[in-house]
Amino acid sequence: IYGPSRDGESKLDFFPGIVDAVAESRMMSKEGGQKLVQHEVWRVSRAILRAAHVLRGDLT
């Protein structure tokens, strides 16, 4: 998953949502930041699993 992040200074061009969550988490409480990053990782993993199911032909 590639794309530009909202943080123009980031050198990473993959998983932009996770990069954005990490950048935003730096301005939050430790617990809030961890929850934000964890949620974004969950969203990406769910999208990857759905794509894998489609590629295997599990979803019609």
N, C-alpha and C. Protein backbone atom coordinates (compact mmCIF):
# COMPACT_ATOMS: atom_id res chain seq x y z
N ILE A 1 0.86 -1.16 0.00
CA ILE A 1 0.00 0.00 0.00
C ILE A 1 0.90 1.21 0.00
N TYR A 2 0.81 1.98 -1.06
CA TYR A 2 1.68 3.13 -1.22
C TYR A 2 0.85 4.40 -1.35
N GLY A 3 1.47 5.50 -1.03
CA GLY A 3 0.82 6.78 -1.19
C GLY A 3 1.50 7.81 -0.32
N PRO A 4 1.23 9.06 -0.59
CA PRO A 4 1.85 10.11 0.22
C PRO A 4 1.18 10.21 1.58
N SER A 5 1.97 10.50 2.59
CA SER A 5 1.41 10.73 3.91
C SER A 5 1.09 12.21 4.06
N ARG A 6 0.33 12.54 5.08
CA ARG A 6 0.02 13.95 5.34
C ARG A 6 1.26 14.68 5.83
N ASP A 7 2.19 13.95 6.44
CA ASP A 7 3.43 14.53 6.95
C ASP A 7 4.39 14.67 5.79
N GLY A 8 4.57 15.86 5.28
CA GLY A 8 5.42 16.08 4.12
C GLY A 8 6.89 15.78 4.35
N GLU A 9 7.29 15.66 5.60
CA GLU A 9 8.69 15.41 5.91
C GLU A 9 9.02 13.92 5.96
N SER A 10 8.02 13.07 5.93
CA SER A 10 8.24 11.63 6.04
C SER A 10 8.94 11.11 4.79
N LYS A 11 9.90 10.25 4.97
CA LYS A 11 10.61 9.63 3.85
C LYS A 11 9.95 8.31 3.44
N LEU A 12 8.93 7.91 4.18
CA LEU A 12 8.26 6.64 3.90
C LEU A 12 7.09 6.86 2.96
N ASP A 13 7.00 6.04 1.91
CA ASP A 13 5.89 6.18 0.98
C ASP A 13 5.00 4.94 0.98
N PHE A 14 5.16 4.09 1.99
CA PHE A 14 4.30 2.93 2.11
C PHE A 14 3.53 3.01 3.42
N PHE A 15 2.34 2.43 3.43
CA PHE A 15 1.44 2.48 4.59
C PHE A 15 1.28 3.90 5.12
N PRO A 16 0.81 4.81 4.27
CA PRO A 16 0.72 6.22 4.69
C PRO A 16 -0.16 6.43 5.91
N GLY A 17 -1.21 5.64 6.06
CA GLY A 17 -2.08 5.80 7.23
C GLY A 17 -1.35 5.50 8.52
N ILE A 18 -0.49 4.49 8.50
CA ILE A 18 0.28 4.15 9.69
C ILE A 18 1.31 5.23 9.98
N VAL A 19 1.96 5.72 8.93
CA VAL A 19 2.94 6.81 9.11
C VAL A 19 2.26 8.03 9.72
N ASP A 20 1.08 8.37 9.21
CA ASP A 20 0.34 9.51 9.75
C ASP A 20 -0.04 9.29 11.21
N ALA A 21 -0.47 8.07 11.54
CA ALA A 21 -0.87 7.77 12.92
C ALA A 21 0.32 7.88 13.86
N VAL A 22 1.49 7.40 13.43
CA VAL A 22 2.69 7.50 14.26
C VAL A 22 3.04 8.97 14.48
N ALA A 23 2.99 9.76 13.41
CA ALA A 23 3.31 11.19 13.54
C ALA A 23 2.33 11.88 14.47
N GLU A 24 1.05 11.57 14.33
CA GLU A 24 0.03 12.20 15.17
C GLU A 24 0.14 11.73 16.62
N SER A 25 0.54 10.48 16.81
CA SER A 25 0.62 9.92 18.17
C SER A 25 1.67 10.63 19.02
N ARG A 26 2.63 11.25 18.38
CA ARG A 26 3.68 11.96 19.12
C ARG A 26 3.13 13.16 19.88
N MET A 27 1.95 13.63 19.47
CA MET A 27 1.34 14.79 20.11
C MET A 27 0.25 14.39 21.10
N MET A 28 0.13 13.09 21.36
CA MET A 28 -0.93 12.58 22.22
C MET A 28 -0.32 11.93 23.46
N SER A 29 -1.19 11.53 24.37
CA SER A 29 -0.72 10.75 25.52
C SER A 29 -0.20 9.42 25.00
N LYS A 30 0.62 8.76 25.78
CA LYS A 30 1.20 7.48 25.35
C LYS A 30 0.09 6.47 25.04
N GLU A 31 -0.88 6.38 25.94
CA GLU A 31 -1.97 5.42 25.74
C GLU A 31 -2.81 5.77 24.51
N GLY A 32 -3.15 7.04 24.36
CA GLY A 32 -3.94 7.46 23.21
C GLY A 32 -3.20 7.25 21.90
N GLY A 33 -1.91 7.55 21.90
CA GLY A 33 -1.10 7.35 20.71
C GLY A 33 -0.99 5.89 20.32
N GLN A 34 -0.82 5.03 21.32
CA GLN A 34 -0.73 3.60 21.04
C GLN A 34 -2.04 3.08 20.46
N LYS A 35 -3.15 3.55 21.00
CA LYS A 35 -4.46 3.11 20.49
C LYS A 35 -4.65 3.57 19.05
N LEU A 36 -4.25 4.79 18.76
CA LEU A 36 -4.38 5.32 17.40
C LEU A 36 -3.56 4.49 16.41
N VAL A 37 -2.31 4.22 16.74
CA VAL A 37 -1.45 3.43 15.85
C VAL A 37 -1.98 2.01 15.72
N GLN A 38 -2.38 1.41 16.83
CA GLN A 38 -2.92 0.05 16.80
C GLN A 38 -4.16 -0.03 15.91
N HIS A 39 -5.02 0.96 15.99
CA HIS A 39 -6.22 0.97 15.16
C HIS A 39 -5.86 1.06 13.67
N GLU A 40 -4.90 1.89 13.35
CA GLU A 40 -4.50 2.04 11.95
C GLU A 40 -3.86 0.76 11.43
N VAL A 41 -3.04 0.10 12.24
CA VAL A 41 -2.45 -1.19 11.84
C VAL A 41 -3.56 -2.21 11.61
N TRP A 42 -4.57 -2.21 12.49
CA TRP A 42 -5.70 -3.13 12.33
C TRP A 42 -6.42 -2.87 11.01
N ARG A 43 -6.64 -1.60 10.67
CA ARG A 43 -7.32 -1.26 9.42
C ARG A 43 -6.54 -1.77 8.21
N VAL A 44 -5.22 -1.59 8.24
CA VAL A 44 -4.39 -2.04 7.12
C VAL A 44 -4.39 -3.56 7.03
N SER A 45 -4.27 -4.23 8.17
CA SER A 45 -4.25 -5.70 8.14
C SER A 45 -5.58 -6.24 7.63
N ARG A 46 -6.68 -5.61 8.00
CA ARG A 46 -8.00 -6.04 7.52
C ARG A 46 -8.08 -5.87 6.00
N ALA A 47 -7.57 -4.77 5.48
CA ALA A 47 -7.59 -4.55 4.03
C ALA A 47 -6.73 -5.58 3.30
N ILE A 48 -5.59 -5.91 3.87
CA ILE A 48 -4.72 -6.91 3.24
C ILE A 48 -5.38 -8.28 3.25
N LEU A 49 -6.01 -8.64 4.37
CA LEU A 49 -6.71 -9.93 4.44
C LEU A 49 -7.85 -10.00 3.43
N ARG A 50 -8.60 -8.92 3.29
CA ARG A 50 -9.69 -8.89 2.30
C ARG A 50 -9.14 -9.05 0.89
N ALA A 51 -8.05 -8.38 0.59
CA ALA A 51 -7.45 -8.51 -0.74
C ALA A 51 -6.97 -9.94 -0.98
N ALA A 52 -6.40 -10.56 0.05
CA ALA A 52 -5.93 -11.95 -0.08
C ALA A 52 -7.10 -12.89 -0.37
N HIS A 53 -8.22 -12.67 0.30
CA HIS A 53 -9.40 -13.50 0.05
C HIS A 53 -9.89 -13.34 -1.39
N VAL A 54 -9.89 -12.13 -1.88
CA VAL A 54 -10.32 -11.89 -3.26
C VAL A 54 -9.37 -12.57 -4.23
N LEU A 55 -8.08 -12.47 -4.00
CA LEU A 55 -7.10 -13.08 -4.90
C LEU A 55 -7.20 -14.60 -4.90
N ARG A 56 -7.59 -15.17 -3.76
CA ARG A 56 -7.76 -16.63 -3.69
C ARG A 56 -9.10 -17.06 -4.27
N GLY A 57 -9.98 -16.12 -4.50
CA GLY A 57 -11.30 -16.44 -5.02
C GLY A 57 -12.30 -16.80 -3.93
N ASP A 58 -11.98 -16.49 -2.68
CA ASP A 58 -12.88 -16.80 -1.57
C ASP A 58 -14.10 -15.91 -1.55
N LEU A 59 -13.99 -14.70 -2.05
CA LEU A 59 -15.12 -13.77 -2.06
C LEU A 59 -15.64 -13.63 -3.48
N THR A 60 -16.91 -13.56 -3.61
CA THR A 60 -17.48 -13.39 -4.96
C THR A 60 -18.21 -12.08 -5.06
